[in-house]
N, C-alpha and C. Protein backbone atom coordinates (compact mmCIF):
# COMPACT_ATOMS: atom_id res chain seq x y z
N MET A 1 -14.77 9.77 -1.49
CA MET A 1 -14.83 10.85 -0.54
C MET A 1 -13.67 10.71 0.45
N PRO A 2 -12.84 11.74 0.58
CA PRO A 2 -11.70 11.65 1.48
C PRO A 2 -12.16 11.61 2.94
N ARG A 3 -11.36 10.90 3.72
CA ARG A 3 -11.66 10.81 5.15
C ARG A 3 -11.30 12.12 5.83
N ARG A 4 -12.12 12.52 6.77
CA ARG A 4 -11.78 13.69 7.58
C ARG A 4 -11.16 13.22 8.88
N ARG A 5 -10.02 13.76 9.18
CA ARG A 5 -9.31 13.38 10.40
C ARG A 5 -9.26 14.56 11.34
N ILE A 6 -9.34 14.25 12.60
CA ILE A 6 -9.23 15.28 13.62
C ILE A 6 -7.76 15.35 14.05
N GLY A 7 -7.27 16.55 14.25
CA GLY A 7 -5.90 16.72 14.72
C GLY A 7 -4.92 16.99 13.60
N ARG A 8 -3.69 16.78 13.91
CA ARG A 8 -2.59 17.05 12.99
C ARG A 8 -2.59 16.07 11.82
N PRO A 9 -2.33 16.54 10.61
CA PRO A 9 -2.27 15.61 9.48
C PRO A 9 -1.09 14.66 9.64
N PRO A 10 -1.20 13.44 9.14
CA PRO A 10 -0.10 12.48 9.29
C PRO A 10 1.12 12.94 8.49
N LYS A 11 2.29 12.56 8.98
CA LYS A 11 3.53 12.93 8.29
C LYS A 11 3.66 12.18 6.97
N LEU A 12 3.09 10.98 6.90
CA LEU A 12 3.11 10.17 5.68
C LEU A 12 1.68 10.13 5.14
N THR A 13 1.47 10.64 3.95
CA THR A 13 0.12 10.69 3.39
C THR A 13 -0.35 9.29 3.00
N ASP A 14 -1.67 9.15 2.78
CA ASP A 14 -2.22 7.87 2.33
C ASP A 14 -1.61 7.47 0.99
N ALA A 15 -1.43 8.43 0.10
CA ALA A 15 -0.83 8.13 -1.20
C ALA A 15 0.60 7.61 -1.05
N GLU A 16 1.36 8.20 -0.15
CA GLU A 16 2.73 7.74 0.08
C GLU A 16 2.73 6.35 0.71
N LEU A 17 1.79 6.12 1.63
CA LEU A 17 1.67 4.81 2.26
C LEU A 17 1.36 3.74 1.20
N LEU A 18 0.41 4.03 0.32
CA LEU A 18 0.08 3.09 -0.75
C LEU A 18 1.27 2.85 -1.66
N CYS A 19 2.00 3.90 -1.97
CA CYS A 19 3.19 3.78 -2.80
C CYS A 19 4.21 2.85 -2.14
N LEU A 20 4.44 3.02 -0.85
CA LEU A 20 5.37 2.14 -0.12
C LEU A 20 4.87 0.71 -0.10
N ALA A 21 3.57 0.51 0.12
CA ALA A 21 3.02 -0.84 0.18
C ALA A 21 3.14 -1.55 -1.17
N VAL A 22 2.86 -0.84 -2.25
CA VAL A 22 2.97 -1.43 -3.59
C VAL A 22 4.44 -1.75 -3.89
N ALA A 23 5.33 -0.83 -3.56
CA ALA A 23 6.76 -1.06 -3.79
C ALA A 23 7.26 -2.26 -2.99
N GLN A 24 6.77 -2.41 -1.77
CA GLN A 24 7.17 -3.55 -0.94
C GLN A 24 6.83 -4.86 -1.63
N VAL A 25 5.62 -4.93 -2.19
CA VAL A 25 5.20 -6.15 -2.87
C VAL A 25 5.97 -6.35 -4.17
N LEU A 26 6.07 -5.30 -4.98
CA LEU A 26 6.74 -5.43 -6.27
C LEU A 26 8.22 -5.76 -6.14
N LEU A 27 8.84 -5.28 -5.08
CA LEU A 27 10.26 -5.55 -4.88
C LEU A 27 10.50 -6.83 -4.09
N GLY A 28 9.42 -7.52 -3.69
CA GLY A 28 9.54 -8.84 -3.07
C GLY A 28 10.00 -8.86 -1.63
N PHE A 29 9.54 -7.92 -0.82
CA PHE A 29 9.89 -7.89 0.59
C PHE A 29 8.71 -8.40 1.42
N PRO A 30 8.69 -9.69 1.80
CA PRO A 30 7.57 -10.18 2.60
C PRO A 30 7.61 -9.66 4.05
N SER A 31 8.78 -9.29 4.52
CA SER A 31 8.94 -8.82 5.89
C SER A 31 8.92 -7.29 5.95
N ALA A 32 8.01 -6.74 6.76
CA ALA A 32 7.94 -5.28 6.92
C ALA A 32 9.24 -4.76 7.56
N ARG A 33 9.82 -5.55 8.43
CA ARG A 33 11.06 -5.13 9.09
C ARG A 33 12.17 -4.92 8.08
N HIS A 34 12.34 -5.90 7.17
CA HIS A 34 13.38 -5.76 6.15
C HIS A 34 13.02 -4.65 5.16
N TRP A 35 11.74 -4.54 4.84
CA TRP A 35 11.31 -3.51 3.88
C TRP A 35 11.59 -2.11 4.42
N ILE A 36 11.22 -1.84 5.65
CA ILE A 36 11.41 -0.51 6.22
C ILE A 36 12.90 -0.18 6.32
N ARG A 37 13.70 -1.17 6.69
CA ARG A 37 15.15 -0.94 6.73
C ARG A 37 15.68 -0.59 5.34
N PHE A 38 15.24 -1.33 4.31
CA PHE A 38 15.63 -1.05 2.93
C PHE A 38 15.14 0.34 2.50
N ALA A 39 13.88 0.65 2.82
CA ALA A 39 13.30 1.94 2.42
C ALA A 39 14.07 3.10 3.04
N HIS A 40 14.43 2.98 4.30
CA HIS A 40 15.20 4.05 4.95
C HIS A 40 16.56 4.21 4.29
N ALA A 41 17.19 3.10 3.93
CA ALA A 41 18.53 3.15 3.35
C ALA A 41 18.53 3.62 1.90
N ARG A 42 17.54 3.16 1.12
CA ARG A 42 17.57 3.40 -0.32
C ARG A 42 16.52 4.37 -0.85
N LEU A 43 15.42 4.55 -0.12
CA LEU A 43 14.32 5.36 -0.64
C LEU A 43 14.01 6.60 0.20
N GLY A 44 14.75 6.79 1.25
CA GLY A 44 14.48 7.90 2.16
C GLY A 44 14.45 9.26 1.49
N HIS A 45 15.24 9.44 0.47
CA HIS A 45 15.29 10.74 -0.23
C HIS A 45 14.03 11.01 -1.04
N LEU A 46 13.20 9.98 -1.26
CA LEU A 46 11.99 10.14 -2.07
C LEU A 46 10.77 10.55 -1.25
N PHE A 47 10.87 10.46 0.07
CA PHE A 47 9.74 10.73 0.96
C PHE A 47 10.13 11.77 2.00
N ARG A 48 9.17 12.63 2.34
CA ARG A 48 9.44 13.62 3.39
C ARG A 48 9.64 12.93 4.74
N TYR A 49 8.95 11.79 4.93
CA TYR A 49 9.00 11.08 6.20
C TYR A 49 8.81 9.60 5.94
N LEU A 50 9.59 8.76 6.57
CA LEU A 50 9.41 7.31 6.54
C LEU A 50 9.24 6.85 7.99
N PRO A 51 8.14 6.16 8.26
CA PRO A 51 7.90 5.71 9.64
C PRO A 51 8.79 4.53 10.01
N GLN A 52 8.86 4.27 11.29
CA GLN A 52 9.51 3.05 11.75
C GLN A 52 8.55 1.88 11.53
N GLN A 53 9.02 0.67 11.76
CA GLN A 53 8.24 -0.52 11.43
C GLN A 53 6.88 -0.56 12.13
N SER A 54 6.83 -0.28 13.42
CA SER A 54 5.56 -0.38 14.14
C SER A 54 4.53 0.63 13.62
N ALA A 55 4.97 1.85 13.34
CA ALA A 55 4.06 2.86 12.81
C ALA A 55 3.61 2.51 11.40
N TYR A 56 4.52 1.94 10.60
CA TYR A 56 4.18 1.52 9.24
C TYR A 56 3.11 0.42 9.29
N ASN A 57 3.33 -0.59 10.14
CA ASN A 57 2.37 -1.68 10.26
C ASN A 57 1.01 -1.17 10.73
N LYS A 58 1.01 -0.27 11.69
CA LYS A 58 -0.25 0.27 12.21
C LYS A 58 -1.01 1.03 11.12
N ARG A 59 -0.30 1.89 10.38
CA ARG A 59 -0.94 2.64 9.29
C ARG A 59 -1.42 1.72 8.19
N LEU A 60 -0.62 0.71 7.84
CA LEU A 60 -0.98 -0.21 6.78
C LEU A 60 -2.22 -1.02 7.15
N ASN A 61 -2.28 -1.49 8.38
CA ASN A 61 -3.46 -2.23 8.84
C ASN A 61 -4.70 -1.35 8.84
N ALA A 62 -4.57 -0.11 9.26
CA ALA A 62 -5.70 0.81 9.28
C ALA A 62 -6.14 1.20 7.87
N ALA A 63 -5.24 1.07 6.90
CA ALA A 63 -5.54 1.47 5.53
C ALA A 63 -6.16 0.34 4.71
N GLY A 64 -6.54 -0.75 5.35
CA GLY A 64 -7.14 -1.88 4.64
C GLY A 64 -8.29 -1.50 3.72
N PRO A 65 -9.29 -0.75 4.22
CA PRO A 65 -10.40 -0.34 3.34
C PRO A 65 -9.94 0.52 2.16
N LEU A 66 -8.98 1.40 2.40
CA LEU A 66 -8.45 2.24 1.32
C LEU A 66 -7.76 1.38 0.26
N ILE A 67 -6.98 0.43 0.70
CA ILE A 67 -6.28 -0.46 -0.24
C ILE A 67 -7.29 -1.27 -1.05
N SER A 68 -8.36 -1.73 -0.40
CA SER A 68 -9.40 -2.47 -1.12
C SER A 68 -10.06 -1.61 -2.19
N ARG A 69 -10.32 -0.36 -1.86
CA ARG A 69 -10.94 0.54 -2.84
C ARG A 69 -10.01 0.79 -4.03
N VAL A 70 -8.72 0.93 -3.76
CA VAL A 70 -7.76 1.15 -4.84
C VAL A 70 -7.66 -0.09 -5.73
N ILE A 71 -7.62 -1.27 -5.12
CA ILE A 71 -7.56 -2.51 -5.91
C ILE A 71 -8.80 -2.63 -6.79
N GLU A 72 -9.97 -2.35 -6.22
CA GLU A 72 -11.20 -2.43 -7.02
C GLU A 72 -11.20 -1.41 -8.15
N ALA A 73 -10.76 -0.20 -7.86
CA ALA A 73 -10.72 0.84 -8.90
C ALA A 73 -9.78 0.43 -10.03
N LEU A 74 -8.65 -0.17 -9.70
CA LEU A 74 -7.72 -0.64 -10.73
C LEU A 74 -8.32 -1.82 -11.51
N ALA A 75 -8.99 -2.72 -10.80
CA ALA A 75 -9.59 -3.88 -11.47
C ALA A 75 -10.67 -3.46 -12.45
N ARG A 76 -11.40 -2.41 -12.11
CA ARG A 76 -12.47 -1.93 -12.99
C ARG A 76 -11.91 -1.36 -14.30
N GLN A 77 -10.63 -1.03 -14.33
CA GLN A 77 -10.01 -0.50 -15.54
C GLN A 77 -9.63 -1.60 -16.54
N VAL A 78 -9.66 -2.84 -16.10
CA VAL A 78 -9.31 -3.96 -16.95
C VAL A 78 -10.48 -4.25 -17.89
N PRO A 79 -10.22 -4.40 -19.18
CA PRO A 79 -11.31 -4.62 -20.14
C PRO A 79 -12.22 -5.80 -19.81
N THR A 80 -11.71 -6.81 -19.13
CA THR A 80 -12.51 -8.00 -18.84
C THR A 80 -13.30 -7.89 -17.54
N TRP A 81 -13.33 -6.73 -16.92
CA TRP A 81 -14.02 -6.55 -15.64
C TRP A 81 -15.48 -6.99 -15.71
N ASN A 82 -16.17 -6.71 -16.81
CA ASN A 82 -17.59 -7.02 -16.91
C ASN A 82 -17.88 -8.41 -17.45
N ASP A 83 -16.86 -9.21 -17.71
CA ASP A 83 -17.08 -10.57 -18.19
C ASP A 83 -17.74 -11.43 -17.12
N ASP A 84 -18.51 -12.43 -17.57
CA ASP A 84 -19.19 -13.33 -16.64
C ASP A 84 -18.25 -14.38 -16.05
N LEU A 85 -17.16 -14.67 -16.75
CA LEU A 85 -16.23 -15.69 -16.32
C LEU A 85 -15.00 -15.04 -15.70
N ARG A 86 -14.60 -15.49 -14.53
CA ARG A 86 -13.40 -14.97 -13.87
C ARG A 86 -12.42 -16.11 -13.66
N LEU A 87 -11.19 -15.88 -14.04
CA LEU A 87 -10.13 -16.84 -13.79
C LEU A 87 -9.28 -16.30 -12.67
N ILE A 88 -9.07 -17.12 -11.66
CA ILE A 88 -8.33 -16.67 -10.48
C ILE A 88 -7.17 -17.62 -10.26
N ASP A 89 -5.99 -17.06 -10.04
CA ASP A 89 -4.81 -17.83 -9.75
C ASP A 89 -4.30 -17.41 -8.40
N SER A 90 -4.22 -18.34 -7.47
CA SER A 90 -3.77 -18.02 -6.12
C SER A 90 -2.27 -17.81 -6.04
N GLY A 91 -1.56 -18.19 -7.09
CA GLY A 91 -0.11 -18.00 -7.09
C GLY A 91 0.64 -19.13 -6.40
N ARG A 92 -0.08 -20.09 -5.85
CA ARG A 92 0.59 -21.22 -5.17
C ARG A 92 0.83 -22.35 -6.14
N THR A 93 1.96 -22.98 -5.96
CA THR A 93 2.28 -24.14 -6.83
C THR A 93 2.45 -25.38 -6.02
C-alpha cells in the first residue's frame, strides 16, 4: 500500500531514491558525499532531480522501512526462500 503524503510530492520519487541507493552500493561508493558528487557529474541526465547530500541522507534514512520491504520482496523471489536452512555470509574476512 503506497504511503499517502500531505503537501507537495517530492522531487525525487521513492523509486528513484531506491535506484540511487542500489547504484551507490553496486558501484562501491561507501561515502554519500562522494556518491552524490559522482551522481551529479555522471548521472544527472538520468534523473529529473538529484538532491544534495543532506537531503539524500535524510530521504534515505526515512526510507528504511521501504528498503526493508523491497529487500524482502526480492528475497522471496529466490527459489531457496522456503528452505529450512539459511546460509549467511557477512562479507567480512
